[in-house]
Amino acid sequence: MDYHNNKKINYSEFLAATIDVQSFLSESRLKAVFNQFDTDSSGKITEENICLAMQKLGKEINRKEVHDMITQHDKTGDGMLNFSEFKAIFFDGKEIDEGADAPFGVDGPATN
């Protein structure tokens, strides 16, 4: 993402990365990523799930950052992320078609 190699991400670099992610993701791909973090197959992602998944990848993660991220995106207030809340992280709160499997465009999913 840091195209200028200045160890900073400017707005245009962030936007380019976001557009790249949105054009790559599909419902099935996003569900596969969700399942990687849902380490206990509960249908929800907890702080512990994220820490365990990252540990399996050999990555350390700050527990407070995980807590803050879940708190920011947890719309139901249960302290966990369901799949809908997880999708909203990538699509700025836009709902996507549950049955869709084609990659989404820059503007998100097509509406019928």
C-alpha atoms as a PDB file:
ATOM      1  CA  MET A   1       0.000   0.000   0.000  1.00  0.00           C
ATOM      2  CA  ASP A   2       2.860   2.407   0.715  1.00  0.00           C
ATOM      3  CA  TYR A   3       3.605   3.265  -2.919  1.00  0.00           C
ATOM      4  CA  HIS A   4       5.851   6.183  -1.986  1.00  0.00           C
ATOM      5  CA  ASN A   5       7.904   4.058   0.461  1.00  0.00           C
ATOM      6  CA  ASN A   6       7.737   6.761   3.116  1.00  0.00           C
ATOM      7  CA  LYS A   7       6.384   4.423   5.813  1.00  0.00           C
ATOM      8  CA  LYS A   8       3.085   6.310   5.754  1.00  0.00           C
ATOM      9  CA  ILE A   9      -0.207   5.588   4.052  1.00  0.00           C
ATOM     10  CA  ASN A  10      -1.734   8.670   2.484  1.00  0.00           C
ATOM     11  CA  TYR A  11      -5.390   8.970   1.522  1.00  0.00           C
ATOM     12  CA  SER A  12      -4.931   8.027  -2.130  1.00  0.00           C
ATOM     13  CA  GLU A  13      -2.894   4.933  -1.180  1.00  0.00           C
ATOM     14  CA  PHE A  14      -5.578   3.917   1.313  1.00  0.00           C
ATOM     15  CA  LEU A  15      -8.317   4.466  -1.252  1.00  0.00           C
ATOM     16  CA  ALA A  16      -6.448   2.429  -3.855  1.00  0.00           C
ATOM     17  CA  ALA A  17      -6.046  -0.455  -1.402  1.00  0.00           C
ATOM     18  CA  THR A  18      -9.719  -0.308  -0.438  1.00  0.00           C
ATOM     19  CA  ILE A  19     -10.865  -0.374  -4.046  1.00  0.00           C
ATOM     20  CA  ASP A  20      -8.511  -3.291  -4.691  1.00  0.00           C
ATOM     21  CA  VAL A  21      -9.984  -5.265  -1.778  1.00  0.00           C
ATOM     22  CA  GLN A  22     -13.568  -4.569  -2.799  1.00  0.00           C
ATOM     23  CA  SER A  23     -12.995  -5.645  -6.388  1.00  0.00           C
ATOM     24  CA  PHE A  24     -11.369  -8.887  -5.220  1.00  0.00           C
ATOM     25  CA  LEU A  25     -13.884  -9.969  -2.608  1.00  0.00           C
ATOM     26  CA  SER A  26     -16.930 -12.056  -3.301  1.00  0.00           C
ATOM     27  CA  GLU A  27     -19.455 -13.474  -0.877  1.00  0.00           C
ATOM     28  CA  SER A  28     -17.803 -16.897  -0.863  1.00  0.00           C
ATOM     29  CA  ARG A  29     -14.289 -15.485  -0.487  1.00  0.00           C
ATOM     30  CA  LEU A  30     -15.358 -13.214   2.351  1.00  0.00           C
ATOM     31  CA  LYS A  31     -17.113 -16.136   4.064  1.00  0.00           C
ATOM     32  CA  ALA A  32     -13.897 -18.179   3.783  1.00  0.00           C
ATOM     33  CA  VAL A  33     -11.949 -15.359   5.470  1.00  0.00           C
ATOM     34  CA  PHE A  34     -14.638 -15.105   8.164  1.00  0.00           C
ATOM     35  CA  ASN A  35     -14.365 -18.848   8.780  1.00  0.00           C
ATOM     36  CA  GLN A  36     -10.604 -18.557   9.238  1.00  0.00           C
ATOM     37  CA  PHE A  37     -11.210 -16.170  12.136  1.00  0.00           C
ATOM     38  CA  ASP A  38     -14.200 -18.103  13.508  1.00  0.00           C
ATOM     39  CA  THR A  39     -11.834 -20.661  15.042  1.00  0.00           C
ATOM     40  CA  ASP A  40     -14.540 -22.390  17.102  1.00  0.00           C
ATOM     41  CA  SER A  41     -17.137 -22.494  14.273  1.00  0.00           C
ATOM     42  CA  SER A  42     -19.678 -20.623  16.408  1.00  0.00           C
ATOM     43  CA  GLY A  43     -20.803 -18.334  13.589  1.00  0.00           C
ATOM     44  CA  LYS A  44     -19.335 -15.336  15.415  1.00  0.00           C
ATOM     45  CA  ILE A  45     -15.845 -13.923  15.806  1.00  0.00           C
ATOM     46  CA  THR A  46     -14.646 -13.126  19.316  1.00  0.00           C
ATOM     47  CA  GLU A  47     -11.520 -11.345  20.514  1.00  0.00           C
ATOM     48  CA  GLU A  48     -10.118 -14.738  21.445  1.00  0.00           C
ATOM     49  CA  ASN A  49     -10.878 -16.098  17.951  1.00  0.00           C
ATOM     50  CA  ILE A  50      -8.916 -13.281  16.331  1.00  0.00           C
ATOM     51  CA  CYS A  51      -5.962 -13.706  18.670  1.00  0.00           C
ATOM     52  CA  LEU A  52      -5.915 -17.474  18.087  1.00  0.00           C
ATOM     53  CA  ALA A  53      -6.174 -17.113  14.300  1.00  0.00           C
ATOM     54  CA  MET A  54      -3.331 -14.594  14.249  1.00  0.00           C
ATOM     55  CA  GLN A  55      -1.235 -16.802  16.511  1.00  0.00           C
ATOM     56  CA  LYS A  56      -1.723 -19.693  14.074  1.00  0.00           C
ATOM     57  CA  LEU A  57      -0.415 -17.388  11.339  1.00  0.00           C
ATOM     58  CA  GLY A  58       2.634 -16.601  13.468  1.00  0.00           C
ATOM     59  CA  LYS A  59       1.522 -13.003  14.004  1.00  0.00           C
ATOM     60  CA  GLU A  60       1.217 -11.189  17.290  1.00  0.00           C
ATOM     61  CA  ILE A  61      -1.642  -8.775  17.711  1.00  0.00           C
ATOM     62  CA  ASN A  62      -2.393  -6.158  20.325  1.00  0.00           C
ATOM     63  CA  ARG A  63      -5.346  -7.325  22.427  1.00  0.00           C
ATOM     64  CA  LYS A  64      -6.574  -3.745  22.973  1.00  0.00           C
ATOM     65  CA  GLU A  65      -6.607  -3.109  19.218  1.00  0.00           C
ATOM     66  CA  VAL A  66      -8.650  -6.280  18.733  1.00  0.00           C
ATOM     67  CA  HIS A  67     -11.090  -5.188  21.441  1.00  0.00           C
ATOM     68  CA  ASP A  68     -11.404  -1.699  19.933  1.00  0.00           C
ATOM     69  CA  MET A  69     -11.979  -3.103  16.433  1.00  0.00           C
ATOM     70  CA  ILE A  70     -14.723  -5.449  17.603  1.00  0.00           C
ATOM     71  CA  THR A  71     -16.342  -2.714  19.685  1.00  0.00           C
ATOM     72  CA  GLN A  72     -16.326  -0.351  16.692  1.00  0.00           C
ATOM     73  CA  HIS A  73     -18.023  -2.851  14.351  1.00  0.00           C
ATOM     74  CA  ASP A  74     -20.246  -4.772  16.798  1.00  0.00           C
ATOM     75  CA  LYS A  75     -23.679  -3.398  15.925  1.00  0.00           C
ATOM     76  CA  THR A  76     -25.595  -5.934  18.034  1.00  0.00           C
ATOM     77  CA  GLY A  77     -23.635  -5.148  21.203  1.00  0.00           C
ATOM     78  CA  ASP A  78     -22.861  -8.776  22.024  1.00  0.00           C
ATOM     79  CA  GLY A  79     -19.067  -8.330  22.009  1.00  0.00           C
ATOM     80  CA  MET A  80     -18.667 -10.478  18.877  1.00  0.00           C
ATOM     81  CA  LEU A  81     -18.845 -10.019  15.113  1.00  0.00           C
ATOM     82  CA  ASN A  82     -21.408 -11.939  13.114  1.00  0.00           C
ATOM     83  CA  PHE A  83     -20.924 -12.347   9.373  1.00  0.00           C
ATOM     84  CA  SER A  84     -23.013  -9.286   8.520  1.00  0.00           C
ATOM     85  CA  GLU A  85     -20.940  -7.086  10.852  1.00  0.00           C
ATOM     86  CA  PHE A  86     -17.739  -8.582   9.422  1.00  0.00           C
ATOM     87  CA  LYS A  87     -18.858  -7.782   5.843  1.00  0.00           C
ATOM     88  CA  ALA A  88     -19.611  -4.203   6.847  1.00  0.00           C
ATOM     89  CA  ILE A  89     -15.937  -3.707   7.749  1.00  0.00           C
ATOM     90  CA  PHE A  90     -15.011  -4.207   4.089  1.00  0.00           C
ATOM     91  CA  PHE A  91     -18.007  -2.570   2.459  1.00  0.00           C
ATOM     92  CA  ASP A  92     -18.516   0.511   4.611  1.00  0.00           C
ATOM     93  CA  GLY A  93     -21.806  -0.729   6.010  1.00  0.00           C
ATOM     94  CA  LYS A  94     -23.331  -1.526   2.616  1.00  0.00           C
ATOM     95  CA  GLU A  95     -25.377  -4.690   2.612  1.00  0.00           C
ATOM     96  CA  ILE A  96     -24.345  -7.192  -0.019  1.00  0.00           C
ATOM     97  CA  ASP A  97     -26.389  -9.899  -1.655  1.00  0.00           C
ATOM     98  CA  GLU A  98     -26.081 -13.015   0.526  1.00  0.00           C
ATOM     99  CA  GLY A  99     -26.202 -15.268  -2.520  1.00  0.00           C
ATOM    100  CA  ALA A 100     -23.754 -13.322  -4.659  1.00  0.00           C
ATOM    101  CA  ASP A 101     -20.547 -15.018  -5.692  1.00  0.00           C
ATOM    102  CA  ALA A 102     -19.222 -12.629  -8.321  1.00  0.00           C
ATOM    103  CA  PRO A 103     -16.612 -10.035  -7.339  1.00  0.00           C
ATOM    104  CA  PHE A 104     -18.061  -6.709  -6.279  1.00  0.00           C
ATOM    105  CA  GLY A 105     -17.300  -3.527  -8.140  1.00  0.00           C
ATOM    106  CA  VAL A 106     -15.952  -0.335  -6.659  1.00  0.00           C
ATOM    107  CA  ASP A 107     -19.443   0.915  -5.844  1.00  0.00           C
ATOM    108  CA  GLY A 108     -20.336  -2.254  -3.959  1.00  0.00           C
ATOM    109  CA  PRO A 109     -22.933  -4.790  -5.005  1.00  0.00           C
ATOM    110  CA  ALA A 110     -25.495  -4.118  -7.658  1.00  0.00           C
ATOM    111  CA  THR A 111     -28.975  -3.438  -6.378  1.00  0.00           C
ATOM    112  CA  ASN A 112     -32.004  -4.978  -8.011  1.00  0.00           C
END
